[in-house]
Amino acid sequence: MGAASDELSSLARAANAISSKLATLEASKAETQAELDKTFFLNFGKKGELKGIIKDLKKEIKGEEKSLEKASKQVEKAQGVLEKVQAAAEKENAKAEKIIAEAQGSIDKITASAQKKAAGVTGAAEKAAAKVAKDAEGKSNSLLKAAEKADASSAKSAALAAKLKGQ
């Protein structure tokens, strides 16, 4: 798009330069014509010279007008190309935005799914940890009871041993 814009600018500058030159030529022709009109009608040498200058200026003006017409056509053509390039760029930009929006939607779905799975895994792990803790507490309690029984049994054995020793 930059190349088309640069070319359009270049062509527009060229057309402006031709237009400026054409305006200068027209002014010169008008000055020469004014001088011719003021020239005494019997001053054939000066009148002939001024008419020759005007004739040459008219030829040059005609050539510059043709150049300006060609340059104007080129500017119009470049403007059309630039508009097409801009339209294509806007179309591609719209496609890119659509793709980005679709990708963001997919990312959001995947993120939500991953969070849901993570929450499920975390919940299952918490349940498993609670069960292990409960089972460990139950075993711990049964071991404590067994230890108490063993202490009581040991105390009875010690008492019995003392009694037997004392007899």
N, C-alpha and C. Protein backbone atom coordinates (compact mmCIF):
# COMPACT_ATOMS: atom_id res chain seq x y z
N MET A 1 0.83 -1.17 0.00
CA MET A 1 0.00 0.00 0.00
C MET A 1 0.88 1.24 0.00
N GLY A 2 2.02 1.19 0.66
CA GLY A 2 2.93 2.32 0.70
C GLY A 2 3.47 2.67 -0.67
N ALA A 3 3.77 1.65 -1.48
CA ALA A 3 4.30 1.89 -2.82
C ALA A 3 3.25 2.59 -3.69
N ALA A 4 2.01 2.15 -3.59
CA ALA A 4 0.94 2.77 -4.38
C ALA A 4 0.73 4.22 -3.94
N SER A 5 0.80 4.45 -2.65
CA SER A 5 0.64 5.81 -2.12
C SER A 5 1.79 6.70 -2.55
N ASP A 6 3.01 6.16 -2.52
CA ASP A 6 4.18 6.92 -2.95
C ASP A 6 4.09 7.27 -4.44
N GLU A 7 3.65 6.31 -5.23
CA GLU A 7 3.53 6.55 -6.67
C GLU A 7 2.47 7.62 -6.94
N LEU A 8 1.36 7.54 -6.22
CA LEU A 8 0.31 8.55 -6.38
C LEU A 8 0.83 9.94 -6.02
N SER A 9 1.57 10.03 -4.94
CA SER A 9 2.14 11.32 -4.53
C SER A 9 3.10 11.85 -5.59
N SER A 10 3.93 10.98 -6.13
CA SER A 10 4.90 11.37 -7.16
C SER A 10 4.18 11.88 -8.41
N LEU A 11 3.15 11.15 -8.83
CA LEU A 11 2.39 11.56 -10.01
C LEU A 11 1.66 12.89 -9.77
N ALA A 12 1.14 13.06 -8.57
CA ALA A 12 0.44 14.30 -8.25
C ALA A 12 1.42 15.49 -8.27
N ARG A 13 2.63 15.28 -7.76
CA ARG A 13 3.65 16.35 -7.79
C ARG A 13 4.00 16.70 -9.24
N ALA A 14 4.14 15.69 -10.08
CA ALA A 14 4.45 15.93 -11.49
C ALA A 14 3.32 16.71 -12.16
N ALA A 15 2.09 16.33 -11.88
CA ALA A 15 0.95 17.04 -12.47
C ALA A 15 0.91 18.49 -11.99
N ASN A 16 1.21 18.71 -10.73
CA ASN A 16 1.24 20.08 -10.19
C ASN A 16 2.34 20.91 -10.84
N ALA A 17 3.49 20.27 -11.08
CA ALA A 17 4.60 20.98 -11.74
C ALA A 17 4.20 21.39 -13.16
N ILE A 18 3.55 20.48 -13.87
CA ILE A 18 3.10 20.79 -15.23
C ILE A 18 2.06 21.90 -15.20
N SER A 19 1.15 21.83 -14.24
CA SER A 19 0.11 22.85 -14.10
C SER A 19 0.73 24.22 -13.81
N SER A 20 1.75 24.22 -12.97
CA SER A 20 2.45 25.47 -12.64
C SER A 20 3.15 26.05 -13.87
N LYS A 21 3.82 25.18 -14.62
CA LYS A 21 4.51 25.62 -15.84
C LYS A 21 3.50 26.16 -16.85
N LEU A 22 2.36 25.49 -16.94
CA LEU A 22 1.30 25.91 -17.86
C LEU A 22 0.79 27.30 -17.47
N ALA A 23 0.62 27.53 -16.19
CA ALA A 23 0.16 28.85 -15.72
C ALA A 23 1.19 29.92 -16.06
N THR A 24 2.47 29.60 -15.92
CA THR A 24 3.54 30.55 -16.26
C THR A 24 3.52 30.87 -17.76
N LEU A 25 3.34 29.85 -18.58
CA LEU A 25 3.28 30.05 -20.03
C LEU A 25 2.07 30.90 -20.42
N GLU A 26 0.93 30.64 -19.80
CA GLU A 26 -0.28 31.42 -20.08
C GLU A 26 -0.07 32.89 -19.71
N ALA A 27 0.59 33.12 -18.56
CA ALA A 27 0.85 34.50 -18.14
C ALA A 27 1.80 35.18 -19.12
N SER A 28 2.82 34.44 -19.56
CA SER A 28 3.78 34.99 -20.52
C SER A 28 3.08 35.32 -21.84
N LYS A 29 2.19 34.44 -22.28
CA LYS A 29 1.44 34.67 -23.52
C LYS A 29 0.56 35.91 -23.38
N ALA A 30 -0.09 36.05 -22.23
CA ALA A 30 -0.96 37.21 -22.00
C ALA A 30 -0.15 38.50 -22.00
N GLU A 31 1.03 38.48 -21.40
CA GLU A 31 1.90 39.66 -21.38
C GLU A 31 2.35 40.02 -22.81
N THR A 32 2.73 38.99 -23.55
CA THR A 32 3.18 39.21 -24.93
C THR A 32 2.04 39.74 -25.78
N GLN A 33 0.85 39.17 -25.57
CA GLN A 33 -0.33 39.63 -26.32
C GLN A 33 -0.64 41.09 -25.97
N ALA A 34 -0.51 41.43 -24.69
CA ALA A 34 -0.75 42.82 -24.27
C ALA A 34 0.26 43.75 -24.92
N GLU A 35 1.50 43.32 -24.99
CA GLU A 35 2.54 44.13 -25.63
C GLU A 35 2.26 44.27 -27.12
N LEU A 36 1.80 43.19 -27.74
CA LEU A 36 1.46 43.23 -29.17
C LEU A 36 0.32 44.22 -29.42
N ASP A 37 -0.67 44.18 -28.53
CA ASP A 37 -1.82 45.08 -28.67
C ASP A 37 -1.41 46.55 -28.53
N LYS A 38 -0.40 46.82 -27.73
CA LYS A 38 0.07 48.19 -27.51
C LYS A 38 1.02 48.67 -28.63
N THR A 39 1.56 47.72 -29.38
CA THR A 39 2.54 48.07 -30.42
C THR A 39 1.85 48.82 -31.56
N PHE A 40 2.53 49.84 -32.02
CA PHE A 40 2.03 50.66 -33.12
C PHE A 40 1.80 49.76 -34.33
N PHE A 41 0.67 49.94 -35.02
CA PHE A 41 0.30 49.00 -36.07
C PHE A 41 1.24 49.03 -37.28
N LEU A 42 2.04 50.06 -37.44
CA LEU A 42 2.98 50.09 -38.56
C LEU A 42 4.36 49.55 -38.19
N ASN A 43 4.54 49.15 -36.92
CA ASN A 43 5.82 48.59 -36.47
C ASN A 43 5.80 47.09 -36.77
N PHE A 44 5.97 46.80 -38.06
CA PHE A 44 5.83 45.42 -38.54
C PHE A 44 6.88 44.48 -37.96
N GLY A 45 8.09 44.92 -37.77
CA GLY A 45 9.17 44.06 -37.24
C GLY A 45 8.85 43.58 -35.84
N LYS A 46 8.49 44.51 -34.96
CA LYS A 46 8.18 44.14 -33.58
C LYS A 46 6.92 43.30 -33.53
N LYS A 47 5.90 43.69 -34.35
CA LYS A 47 4.65 42.92 -34.36
C LYS A 47 4.91 41.49 -34.82
N GLY A 48 5.73 41.31 -35.86
CA GLY A 48 6.05 39.98 -36.36
C GLY A 48 6.78 39.15 -35.31
N GLU A 49 7.71 39.81 -34.64
CA GLU A 49 8.46 39.12 -33.59
C GLU A 49 7.53 38.70 -32.45
N LEU A 50 6.64 39.57 -32.01
CA LEU A 50 5.70 39.25 -30.93
C LEU A 50 4.72 38.16 -31.35
N LYS A 51 4.25 38.22 -32.60
CA LYS A 51 3.35 37.18 -33.10
C LYS A 51 4.06 35.82 -33.11
N GLY A 52 5.35 35.83 -33.48
CA GLY A 52 6.13 34.58 -33.49
C GLY A 52 6.27 34.03 -32.07
N ILE A 53 6.53 34.94 -31.13
CA ILE A 53 6.65 34.50 -29.73
C ILE A 53 5.33 33.92 -29.25
N ILE A 54 4.22 34.60 -29.59
CA ILE A 54 2.89 34.11 -29.17
C ILE A 54 2.61 32.76 -29.81
N LYS A 55 2.97 32.60 -31.08
CA LYS A 55 2.76 31.33 -31.78
C LYS A 55 3.55 30.22 -31.08
N ASP A 56 4.81 30.49 -30.74
CA ASP A 56 5.64 29.50 -30.04
C ASP A 56 5.06 29.17 -28.66
N LEU A 57 4.60 30.22 -27.97
CA LEU A 57 4.00 30.00 -26.65
C LEU A 57 2.73 29.15 -26.75
N LYS A 58 1.92 29.39 -27.80
CA LYS A 58 0.71 28.59 -27.99
C LYS A 58 1.06 27.12 -28.22
N LYS A 59 2.12 26.87 -29.02
CA LYS A 59 2.55 25.48 -29.26
C LYS A 59 3.00 24.84 -27.94
N GLU A 60 3.79 25.58 -27.21
CA GLU A 60 4.30 25.05 -25.93
C GLU A 60 3.15 24.82 -24.96
N ILE A 61 2.19 25.75 -24.93
CA ILE A 61 1.02 25.59 -24.05
C ILE A 61 0.23 24.36 -24.44
N LYS A 62 0.06 24.17 -25.74
CA LYS A 62 -0.68 23.00 -26.23
C LYS A 62 0.02 21.70 -25.80
N GLY A 63 1.34 21.68 -25.93
CA GLY A 63 2.10 20.50 -25.52
C GLY A 63 1.99 20.25 -24.02
N GLU A 64 2.05 21.32 -23.23
CA GLU A 64 1.94 21.18 -21.77
C GLU A 64 0.52 20.75 -21.37
N GLU A 65 -0.48 21.23 -22.12
CA GLU A 65 -1.85 20.81 -21.83
C GLU A 65 -2.01 19.31 -22.06
N LYS A 66 -1.38 18.81 -23.14
CA LYS A 66 -1.42 17.37 -23.40
C LYS A 66 -0.70 16.60 -22.30
N SER A 67 0.45 17.13 -21.88
CA SER A 67 1.20 16.48 -20.80
C SER A 67 0.38 16.48 -19.51
N LEU A 68 -0.30 17.59 -19.24
CA LEU A 68 -1.12 17.68 -18.04
C LEU A 68 -2.29 16.70 -18.10
N GLU A 69 -2.86 16.55 -19.28
CA GLU A 69 -3.97 15.61 -19.45
C GLU A 69 -3.48 14.17 -19.19
N LYS A 70 -2.32 13.83 -19.73
CA LYS A 70 -1.75 12.49 -19.50
C LYS A 70 -1.46 12.29 -18.01
N ALA A 71 -0.85 13.30 -17.41
CA ALA A 71 -0.51 13.21 -15.98
C ALA A 71 -1.77 13.07 -15.13
N SER A 72 -2.81 13.78 -15.48
CA SER A 72 -4.08 13.69 -14.74
C SER A 72 -4.67 12.29 -14.85
N LYS A 73 -4.58 11.71 -16.05
CA LYS A 73 -5.08 10.35 -16.24
C LYS A 73 -4.27 9.36 -15.40
N GLN A 74 -2.95 9.56 -15.36
CA GLN A 74 -2.10 8.68 -14.55
C GLN A 74 -2.43 8.82 -13.06
N VAL A 75 -2.70 10.06 -12.62
CA VAL A 75 -3.07 10.29 -11.22
C VAL A 75 -4.38 9.57 -10.91
N GLU A 76 -5.36 9.68 -11.81
CA GLU A 76 -6.63 9.00 -11.61
C GLU A 76 -6.45 7.49 -11.55
N LYS A 77 -5.60 6.97 -12.44
CA LYS A 77 -5.35 5.53 -12.45
C LYS A 77 -4.66 5.10 -11.16
N ALA A 78 -3.68 5.86 -10.73
CA ALA A 78 -2.97 5.53 -9.48
C ALA A 78 -3.91 5.62 -8.28
N GLN A 79 -4.83 6.59 -8.32
CA GLN A 79 -5.82 6.72 -7.25
C GLN A 79 -6.71 5.48 -7.20
N GLY A 80 -7.11 4.99 -8.36
CA GLY A 80 -7.92 3.77 -8.43
C GLY A 80 -7.16 2.56 -7.89
N VAL A 81 -5.89 2.46 -8.25
CA VAL A 81 -5.06 1.35 -7.74
C VAL A 81 -4.94 1.44 -6.22
N LEU A 82 -4.70 2.65 -5.73
CA LEU A 82 -4.56 2.85 -4.28
C LEU A 82 -5.85 2.47 -3.57
N GLU A 83 -6.98 2.86 -4.12
CA GLU A 83 -8.26 2.51 -3.51
C GLU A 83 -8.46 0.99 -3.47
N LYS A 84 -8.07 0.31 -4.56
CA LYS A 84 -8.18 -1.16 -4.59
C LYS A 84 -7.27 -1.78 -3.54
N VAL A 85 -6.06 -1.26 -3.44
CA VAL A 85 -5.10 -1.80 -2.45
C VAL A 85 -5.64 -1.57 -1.03
N GLN A 86 -6.19 -0.39 -0.79
CA GLN A 86 -6.74 -0.10 0.53
C GLN A 86 -7.93 -1.02 0.84
N ALA A 87 -8.78 -1.25 -0.15
CA ALA A 87 -9.93 -2.14 0.05
C ALA A 87 -9.45 -3.56 0.36
N ALA A 88 -8.45 -4.01 -0.37
CA ALA A 88 -7.91 -5.36 -0.12
C ALA A 88 -7.29 -5.44 1.28
N ALA A 89 -6.59 -4.38 1.67
CA ALA A 89 -5.97 -4.37 3.00
C ALA A 89 -7.03 -4.39 4.09
N GLU A 90 -8.10 -3.63 3.90
CA GLU A 90 -9.18 -3.63 4.88
C GLU A 90 -9.85 -5.00 4.96
N LYS A 91 -10.00 -5.65 3.82
CA LYS A 91 -10.61 -6.98 3.79
C LYS A 91 -9.73 -7.98 4.54
N GLU A 92 -8.43 -7.94 4.29
CA GLU A 92 -7.50 -8.83 4.99
C GLU A 92 -7.48 -8.53 6.49
N ASN A 93 -7.56 -7.26 6.83
CA ASN A 93 -7.58 -6.87 8.24
C ASN A 93 -8.82 -7.43 8.93
N ALA A 94 -9.95 -7.37 8.24
CA ALA A 94 -11.19 -7.92 8.79
C ALA A 94 -11.06 -9.43 8.99
N LYS A 95 -10.44 -10.12 8.03
CA LYS A 95 -10.22 -11.56 8.16
C LYS A 95 -9.34 -11.86 9.37
N ALA A 96 -8.28 -11.07 9.52
CA ALA A 96 -7.36 -11.28 10.63
C ALA A 96 -8.07 -11.05 11.97
N GLU A 97 -8.90 -10.03 12.04
CA GLU A 97 -9.64 -9.77 13.27
C GLU A 97 -10.59 -10.91 13.59
N LYS A 98 -11.21 -11.47 12.55
CA LYS A 98 -12.13 -12.60 12.76
C LYS A 98 -11.36 -13.81 13.28
N ILE A 99 -10.20 -14.08 12.71
CA ILE A 99 -9.38 -15.21 13.14
C ILE A 99 -8.95 -15.01 14.59
N ILE A 100 -8.56 -13.79 14.92
CA ILE A 100 -8.14 -13.49 16.29
C ILE A 100 -9.31 -13.71 17.25
N ALA A 101 -10.51 -13.26 16.87
CA ALA A 101 -11.68 -13.43 17.72
C ALA A 101 -11.99 -14.91 17.92
N GLU A 102 -11.91 -15.69 16.84
CA GLU A 102 -12.16 -17.13 16.94
C GLU A 102 -11.11 -17.80 17.83
N ALA A 103 -9.87 -17.40 17.67
CA ALA A 103 -8.79 -17.97 18.49
C ALA A 103 -9.01 -17.62 19.96
N GLN A 104 -9.42 -16.39 20.23
CA GLN A 104 -9.66 -15.99 21.62
C GLN A 104 -10.81 -16.80 22.21
N GLY A 105 -11.84 -17.04 21.39
CA GLY A 105 -12.95 -17.87 21.86
C GLY A 105 -12.49 -19.28 22.20
N SER A 106 -11.63 -19.85 21.35
CA SER A 106 -11.09 -21.19 21.61
C SER A 106 -10.24 -21.19 22.86
N ILE A 107 -9.43 -20.16 23.02
CA ILE A 107 -8.58 -20.05 24.22
C ILE A 107 -9.45 -19.99 25.46
N ASP A 108 -10.51 -19.20 25.41
CA ASP A 108 -11.41 -19.08 26.56
C ASP A 108 -12.05 -20.42 26.90
N LYS A 109 -12.49 -21.17 25.85
CA LYS A 109 -13.10 -22.49 26.09
C LYS A 109 -12.10 -23.45 26.71
N ILE A 110 -10.89 -23.46 26.16
CA ILE A 110 -9.86 -24.37 26.67
C ILE A 110 -9.50 -24.02 28.11
N THR A 111 -9.38 -22.73 28.39
CA THR A 111 -9.05 -22.29 29.74
C THR A 111 -10.15 -22.69 30.72
N ALA A 112 -11.40 -22.48 30.33
CA ALA A 112 -12.52 -22.85 31.20
C ALA A 112 -12.53 -24.36 31.45
N SER A 113 -12.30 -25.13 30.39
CA SER A 113 -12.27 -26.59 30.52
C SER A 113 -11.13 -27.03 31.44
N ALA A 114 -9.96 -26.42 31.26
CA ALA A 114 -8.82 -26.78 32.10
C ALA A 114 -9.08 -26.42 33.56
N GLN A 115 -9.69 -25.27 33.78
CA GLN A 115 -10.00 -24.87 35.16
C GLN A 115 -11.00 -25.83 35.78
N LYS A 116 -11.99 -26.25 35.00
CA LYS A 116 -12.99 -27.19 35.50
C LYS A 116 -12.33 -28.53 35.84
N LYS A 117 -11.46 -28.99 34.95
CA LYS A 117 -10.77 -30.26 35.22
C LYS A 117 -9.86 -30.14 36.43
N ALA A 118 -9.18 -29.01 36.53
CA ALA A 118 -8.29 -28.79 37.68
C ALA A 118 -9.09 -28.78 38.97
N ALA A 119 -10.26 -28.15 38.94
CA ALA A 119 -11.11 -28.12 40.12
C ALA A 119 -11.58 -29.54 40.47
N GLY A 120 -11.92 -30.33 39.46
CA GLY A 120 -12.33 -31.71 39.69
C GLY A 120 -11.21 -32.55 40.27
N VAL A 121 -10.01 -32.40 39.71
CA VAL A 121 -8.85 -33.15 40.20
C VAL A 121 -8.54 -32.73 41.63
N THR A 122 -8.59 -31.43 41.90
CA THR A 122 -8.31 -30.92 43.25
C THR A 122 -9.34 -31.46 44.23
N GLY A 123 -10.62 -31.45 43.82
CA GLY A 123 -11.68 -31.97 44.69
C GLY A 123 -11.47 -33.45 44.98
N ALA A 124 -11.12 -34.21 43.97
CA ALA A 124 -10.89 -35.65 44.16
C ALA A 124 -9.70 -35.88 45.07
N ALA A 125 -8.65 -35.07 44.89
CA ALA A 125 -7.46 -35.21 45.74
C ALA A 125 -7.79 -34.86 47.18
N GLU A 126 -8.61 -33.83 47.38
CA GLU A 126 -9.00 -33.45 48.75
C GLU A 126 -9.81 -34.56 49.40
N LYS A 127 -10.73 -35.19 48.62
CA LYS A 127 -11.53 -36.29 49.15
C LYS A 127 -10.63 -37.47 49.52
N ALA A 128 -9.68 -37.77 48.63
CA ALA A 128 -8.78 -38.89 48.89
C ALA A 128 -7.93 -38.60 50.12
N ALA A 129 -7.45 -37.37 50.25
CA ALA A 129 -6.64 -36.99 51.41
C ALA A 129 -7.47 -37.07 52.68
N ALA A 130 -8.73 -36.66 52.63
CA ALA A 130 -9.60 -36.74 53.82
C ALA A 130 -9.82 -38.19 54.21
N LYS A 131 -10.00 -39.07 53.21
CA LYS A 131 -10.21 -40.50 53.50
C LYS A 131 -8.97 -41.10 54.13
N VAL A 132 -7.79 -40.75 53.58
CA VAL A 132 -6.54 -41.26 54.13
C VAL A 132 -6.37 -40.77 55.57
N ALA A 133 -6.68 -39.50 55.80
CA ALA A 133 -6.57 -38.94 57.15
C ALA A 133 -7.52 -39.65 58.10
N LYS A 134 -8.75 -39.92 57.65
CA LYS A 134 -9.74 -40.59 58.49
C LYS A 134 -9.29 -42.03 58.79
N ASP A 135 -8.79 -42.71 57.75
CA ASP A 135 -8.31 -44.08 57.95
C ASP A 135 -7.13 -44.10 58.91
N ALA A 136 -6.22 -43.11 58.74
CA ALA A 136 -5.05 -43.04 59.63
C ALA A 136 -5.48 -42.76 61.06
N GLU A 137 -6.50 -41.92 61.22
CA GLU A 137 -6.99 -41.62 62.58
C GLU A 137 -7.62 -42.86 63.20
N GLY A 138 -8.37 -43.61 62.39
CA GLY A 138 -8.99 -44.85 62.89
C GLY A 138 -7.92 -45.84 63.31
N LYS A 139 -6.87 -46.02 62.52
CA LYS A 139 -5.80 -46.95 62.87
C LYS A 139 -5.06 -46.46 64.11
N SER A 140 -4.87 -45.15 64.15
CA SER A 140 -4.18 -44.57 65.30
C SER A 140 -4.98 -44.82 66.57
N ASN A 141 -6.28 -44.66 66.48
CA ASN A 141 -7.14 -44.90 67.66
C ASN A 141 -7.08 -46.36 68.07
N SER A 142 -7.13 -47.26 67.11
CA SER A 142 -7.09 -48.69 67.45
C SER A 142 -5.74 -49.07 68.04
N LEU A 143 -4.64 -48.42 67.52
CA LEU A 143 -3.31 -48.69 68.08
C LEU A 143 -3.20 -48.13 69.50
N LEU A 144 -3.82 -46.99 69.74
CA LEU A 144 -3.82 -46.42 71.10
C LEU A 144 -4.55 -47.34 72.07
N LYS A 145 -5.67 -47.87 71.64
CA LYS A 145 -6.43 -48.80 72.49
C LYS A 145 -5.63 -50.05 72.76
N ALA A 146 -4.94 -50.52 71.71
CA ALA A 146 -4.12 -51.72 71.88
C ALA A 146 -2.98 -51.44 72.85
N ALA A 147 -2.41 -50.21 72.72
CA ALA A 147 -1.31 -49.83 73.61
C ALA A 147 -1.80 -49.72 75.04
N GLU A 148 -3.02 -49.18 75.23
CA GLU A 148 -3.58 -49.08 76.58
C GLU A 148 -3.81 -50.47 77.17
N LYS A 149 -4.32 -51.38 76.34
CA LYS A 149 -4.54 -52.75 76.80
C LYS A 149 -3.22 -53.39 77.18
N ALA A 150 -2.20 -53.10 76.33
CA ALA A 150 -0.89 -53.68 76.61
C ALA A 150 -0.33 -53.12 77.90
N ASP A 151 -0.54 -51.81 78.15
CA ASP A 151 -0.08 -51.19 79.41
C ASP A 151 -0.81 -51.81 80.60
N ALA A 152 -2.11 -51.98 80.44
CA ALA A 152 -2.90 -52.55 81.53
C ALA A 152 -2.45 -53.98 81.78
N SER A 153 -2.21 -54.70 80.71
CA SER A 153 -1.79 -56.08 80.84
C SER A 153 -0.41 -56.15 81.46
N SER A 154 0.44 -55.20 81.08
CA SER A 154 1.79 -55.13 81.63
C SER A 154 1.75 -54.81 83.12
N ALA A 155 0.85 -53.90 83.48
CA ALA A 155 0.71 -53.54 84.91
C ALA A 155 0.22 -54.75 85.69
N LYS A 156 -0.72 -55.50 85.14
CA LYS A 156 -1.23 -56.69 85.82
C LYS A 156 -0.12 -57.72 85.96
N SER A 157 0.68 -57.85 84.90
CA SER A 157 1.76 -58.82 84.94
C SER A 157 2.79 -58.42 85.98
N ALA A 158 3.06 -57.10 86.06
CA ALA A 158 4.04 -56.62 87.04
C ALA A 158 3.49 -56.85 88.44
N ALA A 159 2.20 -56.61 88.64
CA ALA A 159 1.60 -56.81 89.95
C ALA A 159 1.62 -58.28 90.30
N LEU A 160 1.30 -59.10 89.37
CA LEU A 160 1.30 -60.54 89.59
C LEU A 160 2.71 -61.03 89.89
N ALA A 161 3.70 -60.47 89.16
CA ALA A 161 5.08 -60.87 89.38
C ALA A 161 5.52 -60.43 90.77
N ALA A 162 5.10 -59.26 91.21
CA ALA A 162 5.46 -58.76 92.54
C ALA A 162 4.79 -59.62 93.57
N LYS A 163 3.57 -60.02 93.35
CA LYS A 163 2.84 -60.83 94.28
C LYS A 163 3.51 -62.21 94.39
N LEU A 164 3.92 -62.72 93.29
CA LEU A 164 4.56 -64.03 93.27
C LEU A 164 5.92 -63.97 93.92
N LYS A 165 6.55 -62.87 93.82
CA LYS A 165 7.84 -62.70 94.44
C LYS A 165 7.68 -62.59 95.94
N GLY A 166 6.64 -61.97 96.33
CA GLY A 166 6.40 -61.76 97.73
C GLY A 166 5.89 -63.03 98.40
N GLN A 167 5.53 -63.99 97.85
CA GLN A 167 5.01 -65.19 98.46
C GLN A 167 6.07 -66.10 98.74
